[in-house]
Protein backbone atom coordinates (compact mmCIF):
# COMPACT_ATOMS: atom_id res chain seq x y z
CA UNK A 1 0.00 0.00 0.00
CA UNK A 2 2.81 2.42 0.81
CA UNK A 3 4.31 1.87 -2.63
CA UNK A 4 1.06 2.96 -4.25
CA UNK A 5 0.92 6.06 -2.06
CA UNK A 6 4.52 6.92 -3.00
CA UNK A 7 3.69 6.47 -6.68
CA UNK A 8 0.78 8.86 -6.38
CA UNK A 9 2.89 11.33 -4.40
CA UNK A 10 5.48 11.21 -7.20
CA UNK A 11 2.73 12.01 -9.69
CA UNK A 12 1.50 14.92 -7.58
CA UNK A 13 5.05 16.23 -7.16
CA UNK A 14 5.59 16.00 -10.90
CA UNK A 15 2.35 17.84 -11.60
CA UNK A 16 3.35 20.57 -9.13
CA UNK A 17 6.75 20.86 -10.81
CA UNK A 18 5.10 21.20 -14.21
CA UNK A 19 2.71 23.87 -12.88
CA UNK A 20 5.61 25.82 -11.37
CA UNK A 21 7.55 25.55 -14.64
CA UNK A 22 4.55 26.90 -16.57
CA UNK A 23 4.21 29.88 -14.23
CA UNK A 24 7.91 30.71 -14.57
CA UNK A 25 7.84 30.17 -18.35
CA UNK A 26 4.84 32.47 -18.75
CA UNK A 27 6.52 35.15 -16.67
CA UNK A 28 9.66 34.85 -18.75
CA UNK A 29 7.65 35.00 -21.97
CA UNK A 30 5.81 38.10 -20.75
CA UNK A 31 9.09 39.84 -19.94
CA UNK A 32 10.47 38.94 -23.36
CA UNK A 33 7.37 40.19 -25.16
CA UNK A 34 7.37 43.43 -23.13
CA UNK A 35 11.04 44.02 -23.93
CA UNK A 36 10.53 43.27 -27.62
CA UNK A 37 7.51 45.59 -27.74
CA UNK A 38 9.53 48.39 -26.16
CA UNK A 39 12.40 47.87 -28.60
CA UNK A 40 10.06 47.76 -31.61
CA UNK A 41 8.48 51.02 -30.51
CA UNK A 42 11.89 52.58 -30.00
CA UNK A 43 13.09 51.39 -33.41
CA UNK A 44 10.08 53.04 -35.09
CA UNK A 45 11.46 56.42 -34.06
CA UNK A 46 14.84 55.59 -35.57
CA UNK A 47 13.22 54.33 -38.78
CA UNK A 48 11.08 57.46 -39.09
CA UNK A 49 14.14 59.63 -38.55
CA UNK A 50 16.15 57.73 -41.17
CA UNK A 51 13.29 57.86 -43.68
CA UNK A 52 12.94 61.60 -43.08
CA UNK A 53 16.66 62.10 -43.66
CA UNK A 54 16.49 60.07 -46.88
CA UNK A 55 13.54 62.11 -48.14
CA UNK A 56 15.31 65.36 -47.32
CA UNK A 57 18.45 64.20 -49.12
CA UNK A 58 16.40 63.18 -52.17
CA UNK A 59 14.65 66.56 -52.23
CA UNK A 60 17.97 68.38 -52.00
CA UNK A 61 19.39 66.26 -54.81
CA UNK A 62 16.32 66.91 -56.94
CA UNK A 63 16.53 70.66 -56.24
CA UNK A 64 20.23 70.66 -57.21
CA UNK A 65 19.43 68.89 -60.48
CA UNK A 66 16.72 71.40 -61.31
CA UNK A 67 19.03 74.35 -60.61
CA UNK A 68 21.75 72.90 -62.86
CA UNK A 69 19.28 72.44 -65.73
CA UNK A 70 17.81 75.89 -65.30
PDB file of N, CA and C in Angstrom:
ATOM      1  N   UNK A   1       0.813  -1.198   0.000  1.00  0.00           N
ATOM      2  CA  UNK A   1       0.000   0.000   0.000  1.00  0.00           C
ATOM      3  C   UNK A   1       0.858   1.265   0.000  1.00  0.00           C
ATOM      4  N   UNK A   2       1.946   1.251   0.767  1.00  0.00           N
ATOM      5  CA  UNK A   2       2.815   2.418   0.807  1.00  0.00           C
ATOM      6  C   UNK A   2       3.437   2.709  -0.547  1.00  0.00           C
ATOM      7  N   UNK A   3       3.736   1.694  -1.306  1.00  0.00           N
ATOM      8  CA  UNK A   3       4.314   1.867  -2.635  1.00  0.00           C
ATOM      9  C   UNK A   3       3.345   2.609  -3.537  1.00  0.00           C
ATOM     10  N   UNK A   4       2.076   2.290  -3.440  1.00  0.00           N
ATOM     11  CA  UNK A   4       1.060   2.961  -4.245  1.00  0.00           C
ATOM     12  C   UNK A   4       0.938   4.432  -3.841  1.00  0.00           C
ATOM     13  N   UNK A   5       0.996   4.686  -2.544  1.00  0.00           N
ATOM     14  CA  UNK A   5       0.924   6.063  -2.062  1.00  0.00           C
ATOM     15  C   UNK A   5       2.137   6.866  -2.542  1.00  0.00           C
ATOM     16  N   UNK A   6       3.312   6.239  -2.511  1.00  0.00           N
ATOM     17  CA  UNK A   6       4.524   6.916  -3.004  1.00  0.00           C
ATOM     18  C   UNK A   6       4.409   7.202  -4.495  1.00  0.00           C
ATOM     19  N   UNK A   7       3.857   6.276  -5.242  1.00  0.00           N
ATOM     20  CA  UNK A   7       3.685   6.472  -6.682  1.00  0.00           C
ATOM     21  C   UNK A   7       2.771   7.666  -6.955  1.00  0.00           C
ATOM     22  N   UNK A   8       1.675   7.730  -6.204  1.00  0.00           N
ATOM     23  CA  UNK A   8       0.777   8.862  -6.380  1.00  0.00           C
ATOM     24  C   UNK A   8       1.437  10.164  -5.941  1.00  0.00           C
ATOM     25  N   UNK A   9       2.191  10.122  -4.855  1.00  0.00           N
ATOM     26  CA  UNK A   9       2.891  11.332  -4.402  1.00  0.00           C
ATOM     27  C   UNK A   9       3.891  11.796  -5.465  1.00  0.00           C
ATOM     28  N   UNK A  10       4.574  10.857  -6.106  1.00  0.00           N
ATOM     29  CA  UNK A  10       5.484  11.211  -7.197  1.00  0.00           C
ATOM     30  C   UNK A  10       4.736  11.889  -8.344  1.00  0.00           C
ATOM     31  N   UNK A  11       3.550  11.386  -8.642  1.00  0.00           N
ATOM     32  CA  UNK A  11       2.728  12.005  -9.694  1.00  0.00           C
ATOM     33  C   UNK A  11       2.337  13.423  -9.288  1.00  0.00           C
ATOM     34  N   UNK A  12       1.892  13.590  -8.047  1.00  0.00           N
ATOM     35  CA  UNK A  12       1.504  14.920  -7.576  1.00  0.00           C
ATOM     36  C   UNK A  12       2.695  15.880  -7.600  1.00  0.00           C
ATOM     37  N   UNK A  13       3.847  15.388  -7.153  1.00  0.00           N
ATOM     38  CA  UNK A  13       5.051  16.226  -7.159  1.00  0.00           C
ATOM     39  C   UNK A  13       5.427  16.635  -8.582  1.00  0.00           C
ATOM     40  N   UNK A  14       5.291  15.706  -9.499  1.00  0.00           N
ATOM     41  CA  UNK A  14       5.591  15.999 -10.895  1.00  0.00           C
ATOM     42  C   UNK A  14       4.627  17.033 -11.455  1.00  0.00           C
ATOM     43  N   UNK A  15       3.355  16.877 -11.131  1.00  0.00           N
ATOM     44  CA  UNK A  15       2.355  17.840 -11.603  1.00  0.00           C
ATOM     45  C   UNK A  15       2.623  19.225 -11.018  1.00  0.00           C
ATOM     46  N   UNK A  16       3.007  19.287  -9.745  1.00  0.00           N
ATOM     47  CA  UNK A  16       3.352  20.572  -9.131  1.00  0.00           C
ATOM     48  C   UNK A  16       4.565  21.187  -9.816  1.00  0.00           C
ATOM     49  N   UNK A  17       5.549  20.369 -10.128  1.00  0.00           N
ATOM     50  CA  UNK A  17       6.753  20.856 -10.810  1.00  0.00           C
ATOM     51  C   UNK A  17       6.393  21.424 -12.178  1.00  0.00           C
ATOM     52  N   UNK A  18       5.534  20.731 -12.896  1.00  0.00           N
ATOM     53  CA  UNK A  18       5.098  21.203 -14.214  1.00  0.00           C
ATOM     54  C   UNK A  18       4.349  22.530 -14.076  1.00  0.00           C
ATOM     55  N   UNK A  19       3.455  22.620 -13.098  1.00  0.00           N
ATOM     56  CA  UNK A  19       2.714  23.866 -12.883  1.00  0.00           C
ATOM     57  C   UNK A  19       3.660  25.016 -12.569  1.00  0.00           C
ATOM     58  N   UNK A  20       4.637  24.777 -11.711  1.00  0.00           N
ATOM     59  CA  UNK A  20       5.611  25.817 -11.371  1.00  0.00           C
ATOM     60  C   UNK A  20       6.424  26.231 -12.595  1.00  0.00           C
ATOM     61  N   UNK A  21       6.807  25.252 -13.417  1.00  0.00           N
ATOM     62  CA  UNK A  21       7.545  25.549 -14.637  1.00  0.00           C
ATOM     63  C   UNK A  21       6.717  26.438 -15.564  1.00  0.00           C
ATOM     64  N   UNK A  22       5.425  26.111 -15.703  1.00  0.00           N
ATOM     65  CA  UNK A  22       4.551  26.901 -16.570  1.00  0.00           C
ATOM     66  C   UNK A  22       4.455  28.344 -16.095  1.00  0.00           C
ATOM     67  N   UNK A  23       4.313  28.526 -14.791  1.00  0.00           N
ATOM     68  CA  UNK A  23       4.211  29.884 -14.235  1.00  0.00           C
ATOM     69  C   UNK A  23       5.485  30.664 -14.540  1.00  0.00           C
ATOM     70  N   UNK A  24       6.639  30.038 -14.305  1.00  0.00           N
ATOM     71  CA  UNK A  24       7.912  30.714 -14.574  1.00  0.00           C
ATOM     72  C   UNK A  24       8.102  30.970 -16.065  1.00  0.00           C
ATOM     73  N   UNK A  25       7.701  30.007 -16.900  1.00  0.00           N
ATOM     74  CA  UNK A  25       7.842  30.170 -18.351  1.00  0.00           C
ATOM     75  C   UNK A  25       6.955  31.307 -18.851  1.00  0.00           C
ATOM     76  N   UNK A  26       5.741  31.389 -18.341  1.00  0.00           N
ATOM     77  CA  UNK A  26       4.843  32.465 -18.752  1.00  0.00           C
ATOM     78  C   UNK A  26       5.373  33.826 -18.333  1.00  0.00           C
ATOM     79  N   UNK A  27       5.933  33.897 -17.136  1.00  0.00           N
ATOM     80  CA  UNK A  27       6.517  35.153 -16.666  1.00  0.00           C
ATOM     81  C   UNK A  27       7.691  35.551 -17.555  1.00  0.00           C
ATOM     82  N   UNK A  28       8.526  34.583 -17.877  1.00  0.00           N
ATOM     83  CA  UNK A  28       9.665  34.851 -18.746  1.00  0.00           C
ATOM     84  C   UNK A  28       9.202  35.293 -20.129  1.00  0.00           C
ATOM     85  N   UNK A  29       8.177  34.634 -20.656  1.00  0.00           N
ATOM     86  CA  UNK A  29       7.652  35.001 -21.968  1.00  0.00           C
ATOM     87  C   UNK A  29       7.090  36.417 -21.939  1.00  0.00           C
ATOM     88  N   UNK A  30       6.373  36.765 -20.875  1.00  0.00           N
ATOM     89  CA  UNK A  30       5.809  38.103 -20.755  1.00  0.00           C
ATOM     90  C   UNK A  30       6.916  39.149 -20.742  1.00  0.00           C
ATOM     91  N   UNK A  31       7.973  38.899 -19.982  1.00  0.00           N
ATOM     92  CA  UNK A  31       9.090  39.837 -19.941  1.00  0.00           C
ATOM     93  C   UNK A  31       9.731  40.000 -21.313  1.00  0.00           C
ATOM     94  N   UNK A  32       9.882  38.896 -22.023  1.00  0.00           N
ATOM     95  CA  UNK A  32      10.473  38.940 -23.360  1.00  0.00           C
ATOM     96  C   UNK A  32       9.590  39.741 -24.311  1.00  0.00           C
ATOM     97  N   UNK A  33       8.293  39.480 -24.285  1.00  0.00           N
ATOM     98  CA  UNK A  33       7.366  40.193 -25.158  1.00  0.00           C
ATOM     99  C   UNK A  33       7.354  41.681 -24.825  1.00  0.00           C
ATOM    100  N   UNK A  34       7.349  42.021 -23.535  1.00  0.00           N
ATOM    101  CA  UNK A  34       7.372  43.428 -23.131  1.00  0.00           C
ATOM    102  C   UNK A  34       8.639  44.118 -23.631  1.00  0.00           C
ATOM    103  N   UNK A  35       9.775  43.451 -23.478  1.00  0.00           N
ATOM    104  CA  UNK A  35      11.041  44.022 -23.933  1.00  0.00           C
ATOM    105  C   UNK A  35      11.046  44.200 -25.445  1.00  0.00           C
ATOM    106  N   UNK A  36      10.588  43.170 -26.159  1.00  0.00           N
ATOM    107  CA  UNK A  36      10.528  43.271 -27.622  1.00  0.00           C
ATOM    108  C   UNK A  36       9.590  44.391 -28.061  1.00  0.00           C
ATOM    109  N   UNK A  37       8.455  44.515 -27.398  1.00  0.00           N
ATOM    110  CA  UNK A  37       7.507  45.586 -27.741  1.00  0.00           C
ATOM    111  C   UNK A  37       8.143  46.957 -27.542  1.00  0.00           C
ATOM    112  N   UNK A  38       8.848  47.122 -26.424  1.00  0.00           N
ATOM    113  CA  UNK A  38       9.530  48.394 -26.164  1.00  0.00           C
ATOM    114  C   UNK A  38      10.580  48.689 -27.237  1.00  0.00           C
ATOM    115  N   UNK A  39      11.343  47.678 -27.603  1.00  0.00           N
ATOM    116  CA  UNK A  39      12.395  47.871 -28.602  1.00  0.00           C
ATOM    117  C   UNK A  39      11.812  48.145 -29.986  1.00  0.00           C
ATOM    118  N   UNK A  40      10.715  47.491 -30.324  1.00  0.00           N
ATOM    119  CA  UNK A  40      10.062  47.760 -31.613  1.00  0.00           C
ATOM    120  C   UNK A  40       9.572  49.198 -31.649  1.00  0.00           C
ATOM    121  N   UNK A  41       8.961  49.643 -30.571  1.00  0.00           N
ATOM    122  CA  UNK A  41       8.478  51.021 -30.512  1.00  0.00           C
ATOM    123  C   UNK A  41       9.639  52.001 -30.623  1.00  0.00           C
ATOM    124  N   UNK A  42      10.706  51.711 -29.943  1.00  0.00           N
ATOM    125  CA  UNK A  42      11.893  52.577 -29.998  1.00  0.00           C
ATOM    126  C   UNK A  42      12.474  52.604 -31.411  1.00  0.00           C
ATOM    127  N   UNK A  43      12.514  51.454 -32.063  1.00  0.00           N
ATOM    128  CA  UNK A  43      13.086  51.391 -33.410  1.00  0.00           C
ATOM    129  C   UNK A  43      12.239  52.164 -34.414  1.00  0.00           C
ATOM    130  N   UNK A  44      10.942  52.273 -34.171  1.00  0.00           N
ATOM    131  CA  UNK A  44      10.082  53.039 -35.086  1.00  0.00           C
ATOM    132  C   UNK A  44      10.527  54.488 -35.166  1.00  0.00           C
ATOM    133  N   UNK A  45      10.952  55.045 -34.054  1.00  0.00           N
ATOM    134  CA  UNK A  45      11.461  56.416 -34.058  1.00  0.00           C
ATOM    135  C   UNK A  45      12.725  56.544 -34.900  1.00  0.00           C
ATOM    136  N   UNK A  46      13.614  55.573 -34.772  1.00  0.00           N
ATOM    137  CA  UNK A  46      14.842  55.590 -35.570  1.00  0.00           C
ATOM    138  C   UNK A  46      14.537  55.424 -37.054  1.00  0.00           C
ATOM    139  N   UNK A  47      13.594  54.547 -37.376  1.00  0.00           N
ATOM    140  CA  UNK A  47      13.219  54.330 -38.776  1.00  0.00           C
ATOM    141  C   UNK A  47      12.606  55.603 -39.356  1.00  0.00           C
ATOM    142  N   UNK A  48      11.714  56.222 -38.618  1.00  0.00           N
ATOM    143  CA  UNK A  48      11.083  57.458 -39.086  1.00  0.00           C
ATOM    144  C   UNK A  48      12.133  58.535 -39.314  1.00  0.00           C
ATOM    145  N   UNK A  49      13.085  58.631 -38.404  1.00  0.00           N
ATOM    146  CA  UNK A  49      14.141  59.634 -38.549  1.00  0.00           C
ATOM    147  C   UNK A  49      14.985  59.352 -39.788  1.00  0.00           C
ATOM    148  N   UNK A  50      15.338  58.092 -40.009  1.00  0.00           N
ATOM    149  CA  UNK A  50      16.148  57.731 -41.171  1.00  0.00           C
ATOM    150  C   UNK A  50      15.383  57.968 -42.466  1.00  0.00           C
ATOM    151  N   UNK A  51      14.101  57.619 -42.479  1.00  0.00           N
ATOM    152  CA  UNK A  51      13.291  57.860 -43.677  1.00  0.00           C
ATOM    153  C   UNK A  51      13.173  59.352 -43.960  1.00  0.00           C
ATOM    154  N   UNK A  52      13.012  60.139 -42.908  1.00  0.00           N
ATOM    155  CA  UNK A  52      12.942  61.600 -43.081  1.00  0.00           C
ATOM    156  C   UNK A  52      14.236  62.156 -43.647  1.00  0.00           C
ATOM    157  N   UNK A  53      15.357  61.646 -43.163  1.00  0.00           N
ATOM    158  CA  UNK A  53      16.661  62.101 -43.661  1.00  0.00           C
ATOM    159  C   UNK A  53      16.829  61.712 -45.128  1.00  0.00           C
ATOM    160  N   UNK A  54      16.396  60.510 -45.479  1.00  0.00           N
ATOM    161  CA  UNK A  54      16.492  60.067 -46.880  1.00  0.00           C
ATOM    162  C   UNK A  54      15.625  60.929 -47.791  1.00  0.00           C
ATOM    163  N   UNK A  55      14.426  61.253 -47.332  1.00  0.00           N
ATOM    164  CA  UNK A  55      13.542  62.113 -48.139  1.00  0.00           C
ATOM    165  C   UNK A  55      14.140  63.495 -48.325  1.00  0.00           C
ATOM    166  N   UNK A  56      14.692  64.029 -47.238  1.00  0.00           N
ATOM    167  CA  UNK A  56      15.309  65.358 -47.321  1.00  0.00           C
ATOM    168  C   UNK A  56      16.489  65.344 -48.286  1.00  0.00           C
ATOM    169  N   UNK A  57      17.306  64.310 -48.216  1.00  0.00           N
ATOM    170  CA  UNK A  57      18.453  64.203 -49.120  1.00  0.00           C
ATOM    171  C   UNK A  57      17.985  64.084 -50.565  1.00  0.00           C
ATOM    172  N   UNK A  58      16.924  63.332 -50.814  1.00  0.00           N
ATOM    173  CA  UNK A  58      16.396  63.181 -52.170  1.00  0.00           C
ATOM    174  C   UNK A  58      15.846  64.504 -52.681  1.00  0.00           C
ATOM    175  N   UNK A  59      15.180  65.250 -51.817  1.00  0.00           N
ATOM    176  CA  UNK A  59      14.649  66.555 -52.226  1.00  0.00           C
ATOM    177  C   UNK A  59      15.774  67.530 -52.544  1.00  0.00           C
ATOM    178  N   UNK A  60      16.822  67.503 -51.747  1.00  0.00           N
ATOM    179  CA  UNK A  60      17.971  68.376 -52.000  1.00  0.00           C
ATOM    180  C   UNK A  60      18.624  68.007 -53.330  1.00  0.00           C
ATOM    181  N   UNK A  61      18.781  66.723 -53.560  1.00  0.00           N
ATOM    182  CA  UNK A  61      19.392  66.265 -54.806  1.00  0.00           C
ATOM    183  C   UNK A  61      18.520  66.670 -55.995  1.00  0.00           C
ATOM    184  N   UNK A  62      17.219  66.541 -55.863  1.00  0.00           N
ATOM    185  CA  UNK A  62      16.317  66.908 -56.944  1.00  0.00           C
ATOM    186  C   UNK A  62      16.386  68.412 -57.192  1.00  0.00           C
ATOM    187  N   UNK A  63      16.435  69.204 -56.122  1.00  0.00           N
ATOM    188  CA  UNK A  63      16.531  70.657 -56.245  1.00  0.00           C
ATOM    189  C   UNK A  63      17.836  71.046 -56.929  1.00  0.00           C
ATOM    190  N   UNK A  64      18.943  70.378 -56.579  1.00  0.00           N
ATOM    191  CA  UNK A  64      20.228  70.656 -57.210  1.00  0.00           C
ATOM    192  C   UNK A  64      20.181  70.341 -58.703  1.00  0.00           C
ATOM    193  N   UNK A  65      19.531  69.243 -59.063  1.00  0.00           N
ATOM    194  CA  UNK A  65      19.432  68.885 -60.481  1.00  0.00           C
ATOM    195  C   UNK A  65      18.618  69.914 -61.248  1.00  0.00           C
ATOM    196  N   UNK A  66      17.549  70.401 -60.637  1.00  0.00           N
ATOM    197  CA  UNK A  66      16.723  71.401 -61.307  1.00  0.00           C
ATOM    198  C   UNK A  66      17.478  72.705 -61.478  1.00  0.00           C
ATOM    199  N   UNK A  67      18.300  73.096 -60.507  1.00  0.00           N
ATOM    200  CA  UNK A  67      19.028  74.354 -60.614  1.00  0.00           C
ATOM    201  C   UNK A  67      20.141  74.259 -61.646  1.00  0.00           C
ATOM    202  N   UNK A  68      20.711  73.084 -61.854  1.00  0.00           N
ATOM    203  CA  UNK A  68      21.746  72.902 -62.862  1.00  0.00           C
ATOM    204  C   UNK A  68      21.124  72.997 -64.254  1.00  0.00           C
ATOM    205  N   UNK A  69      19.933  72.436 -64.420  1.00  0.00           N
ATOM    206  CA  UNK A  69      19.277  72.442 -65.725  1.00  0.00           C
ATOM    207  C   UNK A  69      18.787  73.838 -66.082  1.00  0.00           C
ATOM    208  N   UNK A  70      18.423  74.609 -65.063  1.00  0.00           N
ATOM    209  CA  UNK A  70      17.807  75.893 -65.300  1.00  0.00           C
ATOM    210  C   UNK A  70      18.778  76.919 -65.605  1.00  0.00           C
TER     211      UNK A  70
END
